[in-house]
Amino acid sequence: MTTAYIGIGSNLDQPLQQVQAAITALSQLPQSRLVAHSPWYGSTAIGPGQQADYVNGVAELDTRLSAHDLLDALQAIEQSQGRVRSERWGARTLDLDILLYGQQPMADTRLVVPHPRMLERPFVLQPLLALAPALVLPDGSYLRDRAAAAGTEGLWLLEHA
């Protein structure tokens, strides 16, 4: 089994319900086990135009799926929840990203792991830190140090989610 961390985000069509439905779908993936998920965070949208705030979190999976099979499964979940890929960084019903796939870095035309922008994004780092505070990243750095450097601007804990 490989431990994979999945970034989860939504800012359309009842975002909290979208991310909670994603957790249910992740718990049903074949050859996989949902270990845990982080608390939910609100975050200010960083994409183009005026967008609603996001709900973000991270899930931890133990999986026997290859990284590409996991990517296919995540994209199927996104599509089943109404994801339309029309604008880069645009509003979306659901976004599921493979942040880490074990300690294995990889890069090809479909997938780059670790996620190429995760270290710049408090809405990824803080939920990941809440879930895995002792995590060492594939480059040997400590998640807690990277999260501290990225800060928490534009991010808040959703207390009652």
N, C-alpha and C. Protein backbone atom coordinates (compact mmCIF):
# COMPACT_ATOMS: atom_id res chain seq x y z
N MET A 1 0.84 -1.19 0.00
CA MET A 1 0.00 0.00 0.00
C MET A 1 0.88 1.24 0.00
N THR A 2 0.41 2.23 -0.71
CA THR A 2 1.07 3.53 -0.77
C THR A 2 0.18 4.56 -0.09
N THR A 3 0.77 5.42 0.71
CA THR A 3 0.01 6.51 1.31
C THR A 3 0.00 7.68 0.34
N ALA A 4 -1.20 8.12 0.01
CA ALA A 4 -1.38 9.27 -0.89
C ALA A 4 -2.16 10.34 -0.14
N TYR A 5 -1.77 11.57 -0.35
CA TYR A 5 -2.50 12.71 0.21
C TYR A 5 -3.19 13.43 -0.93
N ILE A 6 -4.49 13.67 -0.76
CA ILE A 6 -5.33 14.24 -1.81
C ILE A 6 -5.84 15.59 -1.35
N GLY A 7 -5.54 16.64 -2.12
CA GLY A 7 -6.09 17.96 -1.86
C GLY A 7 -7.51 18.02 -2.37
N ILE A 8 -8.38 18.64 -1.59
CA ILE A 8 -9.81 18.71 -1.91
C ILE A 8 -10.25 20.17 -1.84
N GLY A 9 -10.97 20.64 -2.86
CA GLY A 9 -11.46 22.00 -2.82
C GLY A 9 -12.73 22.17 -3.64
N SER A 10 -13.54 23.14 -3.23
CA SER A 10 -14.78 23.46 -3.94
C SER A 10 -15.17 24.90 -3.62
N ASN A 11 -15.75 25.58 -4.63
CA ASN A 11 -16.34 26.88 -4.35
C ASN A 11 -17.63 27.12 -5.14
N LEU A 12 -18.23 26.05 -5.63
CA LEU A 12 -19.51 26.15 -6.35
C LEU A 12 -20.50 25.11 -5.82
N ASP A 13 -21.78 25.44 -5.97
CA ASP A 13 -22.85 24.47 -5.71
C ASP A 13 -22.74 23.83 -4.33
N GLN A 14 -22.80 24.64 -3.30
CA GLN A 14 -22.73 24.19 -1.91
C GLN A 14 -21.39 23.48 -1.62
N PRO A 15 -20.33 24.27 -1.58
CA PRO A 15 -18.98 23.71 -1.45
C PRO A 15 -18.79 22.72 -0.29
N LEU A 16 -19.36 23.01 0.87
CA LEU A 16 -19.16 22.08 1.99
C LEU A 16 -19.77 20.72 1.67
N GLN A 17 -20.94 20.71 1.05
CA GLN A 17 -21.55 19.44 0.67
C GLN A 17 -20.74 18.74 -0.41
N GLN A 18 -20.14 19.52 -1.32
CA GLN A 18 -19.31 18.93 -2.38
C GLN A 18 -18.10 18.21 -1.78
N VAL A 19 -17.40 18.86 -0.84
CA VAL A 19 -16.20 18.23 -0.29
C VAL A 19 -16.56 17.04 0.60
N GLN A 20 -17.69 17.12 1.29
CA GLN A 20 -18.12 15.98 2.10
C GLN A 20 -18.51 14.80 1.21
N ALA A 21 -19.15 15.08 0.07
CA ALA A 21 -19.48 14.00 -0.88
C ALA A 21 -18.21 13.41 -1.46
N ALA A 22 -17.19 14.23 -1.66
CA ALA A 22 -15.91 13.73 -2.15
C ALA A 22 -15.28 12.76 -1.16
N ILE A 23 -15.38 13.06 0.13
CA ILE A 23 -14.85 12.15 1.16
C ILE A 23 -15.56 10.80 1.07
N THR A 24 -16.87 10.84 0.92
CA THR A 24 -17.62 9.59 0.77
C THR A 24 -17.14 8.81 -0.45
N ALA A 25 -16.96 9.51 -1.57
CA ALA A 25 -16.50 8.84 -2.79
C ALA A 25 -15.09 8.29 -2.62
N LEU A 26 -14.22 9.03 -1.96
CA LEU A 26 -12.86 8.53 -1.72
C LEU A 26 -12.87 7.28 -0.85
N SER A 27 -13.80 7.23 0.09
CA SER A 27 -13.88 6.06 0.98
C SER A 27 -14.34 4.81 0.24
N GLN A 28 -14.84 4.98 -0.98
CA GLN A 28 -15.35 3.85 -1.75
C GLN A 28 -14.44 3.47 -2.92
N LEU A 29 -13.28 4.09 -3.02
CA LEU A 29 -12.36 3.76 -4.11
C LEU A 29 -11.89 2.31 -3.98
N PRO A 30 -11.78 1.60 -5.10
CA PRO A 30 -11.28 0.23 -5.04
C PRO A 30 -9.81 0.19 -4.65
N GLN A 31 -9.41 -0.88 -4.01
CA GLN A 31 -8.03 -1.12 -3.62
C GLN A 31 -7.46 0.02 -2.77
N SER A 32 -8.33 0.70 -2.06
CA SER A 32 -7.93 1.87 -1.28
C SER A 32 -8.69 1.91 0.03
N ARG A 33 -8.09 2.61 1.00
CA ARG A 33 -8.74 2.82 2.28
C ARG A 33 -8.55 4.27 2.69
N LEU A 34 -9.65 4.94 2.97
CA LEU A 34 -9.58 6.30 3.49
C LEU A 34 -9.10 6.21 4.94
N VAL A 35 -7.96 6.80 5.23
CA VAL A 35 -7.40 6.76 6.57
C VAL A 35 -8.01 7.87 7.42
N ALA A 36 -8.02 9.08 6.89
CA ALA A 36 -8.51 10.24 7.64
C ALA A 36 -8.64 11.41 6.68
N HIS A 37 -9.30 12.45 7.17
CA HIS A 37 -9.28 13.72 6.44
C HIS A 37 -9.09 14.85 7.44
N SER A 38 -8.57 15.94 6.93
CA SER A 38 -8.28 17.11 7.76
C SER A 38 -9.57 17.82 8.12
N PRO A 39 -9.48 18.78 9.03
CA PRO A 39 -10.60 19.71 9.21
C PRO A 39 -10.78 20.48 7.90
N TRP A 40 -11.94 21.10 7.76
CA TRP A 40 -12.21 21.93 6.58
C TRP A 40 -11.80 23.36 6.87
N TYR A 41 -11.25 23.99 5.86
CA TYR A 41 -10.80 25.38 5.93
C TYR A 41 -11.51 26.19 4.85
N GLY A 42 -11.77 27.44 5.15
CA GLY A 42 -12.21 28.39 4.15
C GLY A 42 -10.99 29.11 3.61
N SER A 43 -11.03 29.45 2.32
CA SER A 43 -9.91 30.20 1.74
C SER A 43 -10.40 31.16 0.68
N THR A 44 -9.70 32.25 0.57
CA THR A 44 -10.00 33.25 -0.44
C THR A 44 -9.57 32.70 -1.80
N ALA A 45 -10.44 32.82 -2.80
CA ALA A 45 -10.12 32.34 -4.14
C ALA A 45 -8.93 33.10 -4.72
N ILE A 46 -8.06 32.37 -5.43
CA ILE A 46 -6.89 33.00 -6.05
C ILE A 46 -6.99 32.99 -7.57
N GLY A 47 -8.07 32.50 -8.13
CA GLY A 47 -8.20 32.40 -9.57
C GLY A 47 -8.64 33.68 -10.23
N PRO A 48 -8.98 33.61 -11.52
CA PRO A 48 -9.37 34.79 -12.28
C PRO A 48 -10.75 35.31 -11.90
N GLY A 49 -10.94 36.63 -12.04
CA GLY A 49 -12.25 37.23 -11.80
C GLY A 49 -12.67 37.16 -10.34
N GLN A 50 -13.92 37.53 -10.11
CA GLN A 50 -14.51 37.44 -8.77
C GLN A 50 -15.04 36.03 -8.56
N GLN A 51 -14.55 35.36 -7.54
CA GLN A 51 -15.00 34.02 -7.23
C GLN A 51 -15.41 33.95 -5.77
N ALA A 52 -16.29 33.02 -5.48
CA ALA A 52 -16.67 32.75 -4.09
C ALA A 52 -15.48 32.10 -3.37
N ASP A 53 -15.50 32.22 -2.04
CA ASP A 53 -14.47 31.56 -1.23
C ASP A 53 -14.55 30.05 -1.41
N TYR A 54 -13.43 29.41 -1.15
CA TYR A 54 -13.34 27.95 -1.27
C TYR A 54 -13.50 27.28 0.09
N VAL A 55 -13.87 26.02 0.05
CA VAL A 55 -13.74 25.09 1.17
C VAL A 55 -12.64 24.13 0.75
N ASN A 56 -11.62 23.96 1.62
CA ASN A 56 -10.47 23.11 1.30
C ASN A 56 -10.17 22.15 2.44
N GLY A 57 -9.58 21.04 2.08
CA GLY A 57 -9.11 20.06 3.04
C GLY A 57 -8.18 19.08 2.35
N VAL A 58 -7.73 18.10 3.09
CA VAL A 58 -6.83 17.06 2.57
C VAL A 58 -7.30 15.72 3.12
N ALA A 59 -7.25 14.71 2.26
CA ALA A 59 -7.55 13.33 2.67
C ALA A 59 -6.30 12.48 2.59
N GLU A 60 -6.18 11.54 3.49
CA GLU A 60 -5.10 10.55 3.48
C GLU A 60 -5.68 9.21 3.05
N LEU A 61 -5.10 8.63 2.01
CA LEU A 61 -5.53 7.33 1.51
C LEU A 61 -4.38 6.35 1.56
N ASP A 62 -4.66 5.12 1.91
CA ASP A 62 -3.74 4.02 1.64
C ASP A 62 -4.30 3.33 0.40
N THR A 63 -3.48 3.18 -0.63
CA THR A 63 -3.99 2.66 -1.89
C THR A 63 -3.02 1.69 -2.55
N ARG A 64 -3.60 0.77 -3.28
CA ARG A 64 -2.82 -0.12 -4.15
C ARG A 64 -2.91 0.35 -5.60
N LEU A 65 -3.72 1.38 -5.85
CA LEU A 65 -3.83 1.92 -7.20
C LEU A 65 -2.51 2.59 -7.58
N SER A 66 -2.13 2.48 -8.84
CA SER A 66 -0.98 3.25 -9.32
C SER A 66 -1.35 4.72 -9.26
N ALA A 67 -0.36 5.57 -9.33
CA ALA A 67 -0.62 7.01 -9.30
C ALA A 67 -1.54 7.43 -10.44
N HIS A 68 -1.34 6.87 -11.62
CA HIS A 68 -2.19 7.23 -12.76
C HIS A 68 -3.60 6.67 -12.63
N ASP A 69 -3.73 5.48 -12.09
CA ASP A 69 -5.08 4.94 -11.85
C ASP A 69 -5.80 5.76 -10.79
N LEU A 70 -5.07 6.21 -9.78
CA LEU A 70 -5.66 7.07 -8.77
C LEU A 70 -6.09 8.39 -9.39
N LEU A 71 -5.26 8.97 -10.24
CA LEU A 71 -5.63 10.20 -10.94
C LEU A 71 -6.91 10.01 -11.75
N ASP A 72 -7.01 8.90 -12.47
CA ASP A 72 -8.22 8.62 -13.24
C ASP A 72 -9.44 8.52 -12.33
N ALA A 73 -9.28 7.86 -11.19
CA ALA A 73 -10.39 7.72 -10.24
C ALA A 73 -10.81 9.08 -9.68
N LEU A 74 -9.83 9.93 -9.37
CA LEU A 74 -10.14 11.26 -8.84
C LEU A 74 -10.86 12.10 -9.88
N GLN A 75 -10.42 12.02 -11.12
CA GLN A 75 -11.09 12.78 -12.18
C GLN A 75 -12.50 12.27 -12.42
N ALA A 76 -12.73 10.98 -12.26
CA ALA A 76 -14.09 10.44 -12.38
C ALA A 76 -14.99 10.96 -11.26
N ILE A 77 -14.45 11.07 -10.05
CA ILE A 77 -15.22 11.64 -8.93
C ILE A 77 -15.55 13.10 -9.24
N GLU A 78 -14.57 13.86 -9.69
CA GLU A 78 -14.81 15.26 -10.04
C GLU A 78 -15.93 15.37 -11.08
N GLN A 79 -15.83 14.56 -12.10
CA GLN A 79 -16.83 14.60 -13.18
C GLN A 79 -18.22 14.21 -12.66
N SER A 80 -18.28 13.23 -11.79
CA SER A 80 -19.58 12.80 -11.25
C SER A 80 -20.22 13.88 -10.40
N GLN A 81 -19.40 14.82 -9.89
CA GLN A 81 -19.90 15.92 -9.08
C GLN A 81 -20.00 17.22 -9.88
N GLY A 82 -20.00 17.09 -11.20
CA GLY A 82 -20.29 18.23 -12.05
C GLY A 82 -19.10 19.10 -12.41
N ARG A 83 -17.89 18.62 -12.24
CA ARG A 83 -16.70 19.42 -12.58
C ARG A 83 -16.66 19.66 -14.09
N VAL A 84 -16.48 20.92 -14.46
CA VAL A 84 -16.29 21.31 -15.85
C VAL A 84 -14.95 22.03 -15.93
N ARG A 85 -14.08 21.56 -16.79
CA ARG A 85 -12.75 22.17 -16.93
C ARG A 85 -12.77 23.17 -18.07
N SER A 86 -13.17 24.41 -17.77
CA SER A 86 -13.27 25.42 -18.82
C SER A 86 -12.24 26.53 -18.67
N GLU A 87 -11.81 26.81 -17.45
CA GLU A 87 -10.89 27.93 -17.23
C GLU A 87 -9.88 27.53 -16.16
N ARG A 88 -8.61 27.71 -16.47
CA ARG A 88 -7.58 27.38 -15.48
C ARG A 88 -7.77 28.24 -14.24
N TRP A 89 -7.76 27.59 -13.08
CA TRP A 89 -7.92 28.22 -11.77
C TRP A 89 -9.28 28.89 -11.63
N GLY A 90 -10.24 28.49 -12.47
CA GLY A 90 -11.58 29.04 -12.37
C GLY A 90 -12.36 28.36 -11.25
N ALA A 91 -13.55 28.89 -11.00
CA ALA A 91 -14.44 28.31 -9.99
C ALA A 91 -14.76 26.87 -10.38
N ARG A 92 -15.02 26.03 -9.36
CA ARG A 92 -15.29 24.62 -9.65
C ARG A 92 -16.13 23.98 -8.55
N THR A 93 -16.89 22.99 -8.98
CA THR A 93 -17.67 22.23 -8.00
C THR A 93 -16.76 21.38 -7.14
N LEU A 94 -15.70 20.83 -7.75
CA LEU A 94 -14.80 19.96 -7.00
C LEU A 94 -13.45 19.91 -7.68
N ASP A 95 -12.42 19.99 -6.88
CA ASP A 95 -11.05 19.83 -7.36
C ASP A 95 -10.37 18.82 -6.45
N LEU A 96 -9.87 17.75 -7.04
CA LEU A 96 -9.13 16.72 -6.30
C LEU A 96 -7.73 16.62 -6.91
N ASP A 97 -6.71 16.85 -6.11
CA ASP A 97 -5.33 16.82 -6.58
C ASP A 97 -4.51 15.84 -5.77
N ILE A 98 -3.69 15.04 -6.45
CA ILE A 98 -2.73 14.20 -5.76
C ILE A 98 -1.60 15.12 -5.31
N LEU A 99 -1.48 15.30 -4.01
CA LEU A 99 -0.43 16.15 -3.46
C LEU A 99 0.86 15.36 -3.33
N LEU A 100 0.74 14.18 -2.73
CA LEU A 100 1.87 13.28 -2.51
C LEU A 100 1.42 11.86 -2.79
N TYR A 101 2.29 11.08 -3.37
CA TYR A 101 2.05 9.66 -3.61
C TYR A 101 3.24 8.93 -3.01
N GLY A 102 3.09 8.54 -1.75
CA GLY A 102 4.23 7.99 -1.01
C GLY A 102 5.34 9.02 -0.98
N GLN A 103 6.54 8.57 -1.10
CA GLN A 103 7.70 9.47 -1.17
C GLN A 103 8.24 9.52 -2.60
N GLN A 104 7.39 9.10 -3.56
CA GLN A 104 7.84 8.97 -4.94
C GLN A 104 7.57 10.23 -5.74
N PRO A 105 8.61 10.98 -6.10
CA PRO A 105 8.38 12.07 -7.05
C PRO A 105 8.19 11.48 -8.44
N MET A 106 7.35 12.12 -9.22
CA MET A 106 7.14 11.69 -10.60
C MET A 106 6.68 12.88 -11.41
N ALA A 107 6.98 12.83 -12.69
CA ALA A 107 6.55 13.91 -13.59
C ALA A 107 6.41 13.34 -14.99
N ASP A 108 5.24 13.52 -15.56
CA ASP A 108 5.02 13.19 -16.96
C ASP A 108 3.96 14.16 -17.49
N THR A 109 3.45 13.91 -18.65
CA THR A 109 2.51 14.85 -19.26
C THR A 109 1.17 14.93 -18.53
N ARG A 110 0.83 13.92 -17.72
CA ARG A 110 -0.46 13.89 -17.02
C ARG A 110 -0.38 14.22 -15.55
N LEU A 111 0.78 13.98 -14.94
CA LEU A 111 0.84 14.04 -13.48
C LEU A 111 2.22 14.46 -13.02
N VAL A 112 2.22 15.42 -12.08
CA VAL A 112 3.46 15.83 -11.40
C VAL A 112 3.20 15.69 -9.91
N VAL A 113 4.05 14.90 -9.24
CA VAL A 113 3.95 14.68 -7.80
C VAL A 113 5.35 14.78 -7.22
N PRO A 114 5.55 15.50 -6.11
CA PRO A 114 4.57 16.27 -5.37
C PRO A 114 3.90 17.33 -6.25
N HIS A 115 2.68 17.69 -5.86
CA HIS A 115 1.95 18.71 -6.61
C HIS A 115 2.84 19.94 -6.76
N PRO A 116 2.98 20.46 -7.99
CA PRO A 116 4.00 21.49 -8.23
C PRO A 116 3.78 22.82 -7.50
N ARG A 117 2.58 23.13 -7.06
CA ARG A 117 2.35 24.40 -6.38
C ARG A 117 1.92 24.25 -4.92
N MET A 118 1.99 23.04 -4.39
CA MET A 118 1.48 22.83 -3.04
C MET A 118 2.25 23.63 -1.98
N LEU A 119 3.54 23.83 -2.18
CA LEU A 119 4.34 24.53 -1.17
C LEU A 119 4.09 26.03 -1.14
N GLU A 120 3.34 26.53 -2.13
CA GLU A 120 2.99 27.96 -2.19
C GLU A 120 1.59 28.23 -1.65
N ARG A 121 0.87 27.19 -1.26
CA ARG A 121 -0.55 27.33 -0.98
C ARG A 121 -0.91 26.98 0.46
N PRO A 122 -1.18 28.01 1.27
CA PRO A 122 -1.61 27.74 2.64
C PRO A 122 -2.86 26.86 2.71
N PHE A 123 -3.76 26.96 1.72
CA PHE A 123 -4.99 26.16 1.74
C PHE A 123 -4.72 24.69 1.48
N VAL A 124 -3.50 24.33 1.09
CA VAL A 124 -3.07 22.94 1.00
C VAL A 124 -2.23 22.58 2.22
N LEU A 125 -1.26 23.43 2.53
CA LEU A 125 -0.30 23.11 3.58
C LEU A 125 -0.92 23.03 4.97
N GLN A 126 -1.82 23.94 5.32
CA GLN A 126 -2.39 23.93 6.67
C GLN A 126 -3.28 22.70 6.90
N PRO A 127 -4.18 22.34 5.96
CA PRO A 127 -4.93 21.10 6.18
C PRO A 127 -4.04 19.86 6.21
N LEU A 128 -3.01 19.83 5.36
CA LEU A 128 -2.08 18.71 5.37
C LEU A 128 -1.34 18.64 6.71
N LEU A 129 -0.94 19.79 7.22
CA LEU A 129 -0.26 19.84 8.52
C LEU A 129 -1.18 19.36 9.64
N ALA A 130 -2.45 19.73 9.58
CA ALA A 130 -3.41 19.27 10.60
C ALA A 130 -3.55 17.75 10.57
N LEU A 131 -3.44 17.19 9.38
CA LEU A 131 -3.61 15.75 9.20
C LEU A 131 -2.34 14.97 9.51
N ALA A 132 -1.19 15.52 9.12
CA ALA A 132 0.08 14.79 9.23
C ALA A 132 1.18 15.72 9.74
N PRO A 133 1.13 16.11 11.02
CA PRO A 133 2.07 17.13 11.53
C PRO A 133 3.54 16.72 11.50
N ALA A 134 3.84 15.45 11.48
CA ALA A 134 5.24 15.01 11.48
C ALA A 134 5.74 14.64 10.08
N LEU A 135 4.97 14.95 9.06
CA LEU A 135 5.30 14.53 7.69
C LEU A 135 6.61 15.13 7.21
N VAL A 136 7.45 14.27 6.64
CA VAL A 136 8.66 14.69 5.96
C VAL A 136 8.36 14.58 4.46
N LEU A 137 8.62 15.63 3.73
CA LEU A 137 8.32 15.68 2.30
C LEU A 137 9.40 14.93 1.51
N PRO A 138 9.10 14.54 0.27
CA PRO A 138 10.07 13.77 -0.51
C PRO A 138 11.43 14.44 -0.68
N ASP A 139 11.49 15.78 -0.59
CA ASP A 139 12.78 16.47 -0.70
C ASP A 139 13.55 16.49 0.62
N GLY A 140 13.00 15.86 1.67
CA GLY A 140 13.66 15.80 2.97
C GLY A 140 13.28 16.94 3.90
N SER A 141 12.53 17.91 3.42
CA SER A 141 12.12 19.03 4.28
C SER A 141 10.93 18.62 5.13
N TYR A 142 10.71 19.36 6.20
CA TYR A 142 9.61 19.08 7.10
C TYR A 142 8.39 19.91 6.70
N LEU A 143 7.26 19.25 6.63
CA LEU A 143 6.01 19.93 6.30
C LEU A 143 5.78 21.11 7.24
N ARG A 144 6.02 20.93 8.53
CA ARG A 144 5.74 22.00 9.49
C ARG A 144 6.54 23.27 9.16
N ASP A 145 7.79 23.11 8.67
CA ASP A 145 8.60 24.27 8.30
C ASP A 145 8.06 24.93 7.04
N ARG A 146 7.66 24.12 6.07
CA ARG A 146 7.11 24.67 4.82
C ARG A 146 5.79 25.38 5.08
N ALA A 147 4.96 24.81 5.95
CA ALA A 147 3.67 25.43 6.26
C ALA A 147 3.89 26.75 6.99
N ALA A 148 4.84 26.79 7.90
CA ALA A 148 5.13 28.03 8.63
C ALA A 148 5.61 29.11 7.66
N ALA A 149 6.43 28.74 6.70
CA ALA A 149 6.96 29.71 5.73
C ALA A 149 5.85 30.25 4.83
N ALA A 150 4.87 29.41 4.50
CA ALA A 150 3.78 29.83 3.61
C ALA A 150 2.76 30.71 4.33
N GLY A 151 2.67 30.58 5.65
CA GLY A 151 1.75 31.40 6.42
C GLY A 151 0.30 30.93 6.31
N THR A 152 -0.60 31.80 6.74
CA THR A 152 -2.03 31.44 6.76
C THR A 152 -2.91 32.54 6.17
N GLU A 153 -2.32 33.47 5.45
CA GLU A 153 -3.10 34.57 4.89
C GLU A 153 -4.20 34.03 3.97
N GLY A 154 -5.40 34.58 4.13
CA GLY A 154 -6.52 34.18 3.29
C GLY A 154 -7.10 32.82 3.64
N LEU A 155 -6.83 32.34 4.86
CA LEU A 155 -7.25 30.99 5.26
C LEU A 155 -7.85 31.05 6.66
N TRP A 156 -8.93 30.30 6.88
CA TRP A 156 -9.55 30.23 8.20
C TRP A 156 -10.16 28.85 8.39
N LEU A 157 -10.13 28.40 9.62
CA LEU A 157 -10.70 27.11 10.00
C LEU A 157 -12.22 27.23 10.02
N LEU A 158 -12.91 26.29 9.42
CA LEU A 158 -14.38 26.27 9.47
C LEU A 158 -14.76 25.46 10.71
N GLU A 159 -15.09 26.15 11.76
CA GLU A 159 -15.29 25.55 13.08
C GLU A 159 -16.42 24.53 13.11
N HIS A 160 -17.49 24.76 12.38
CA HIS A 160 -18.67 23.91 12.52
C HIS A 160 -18.92 23.06 11.29
N ALA A 161 -17.87 22.78 10.56
CA ALA A 161 -18.04 22.01 9.33
C ALA A 161 -17.85 20.53 9.58
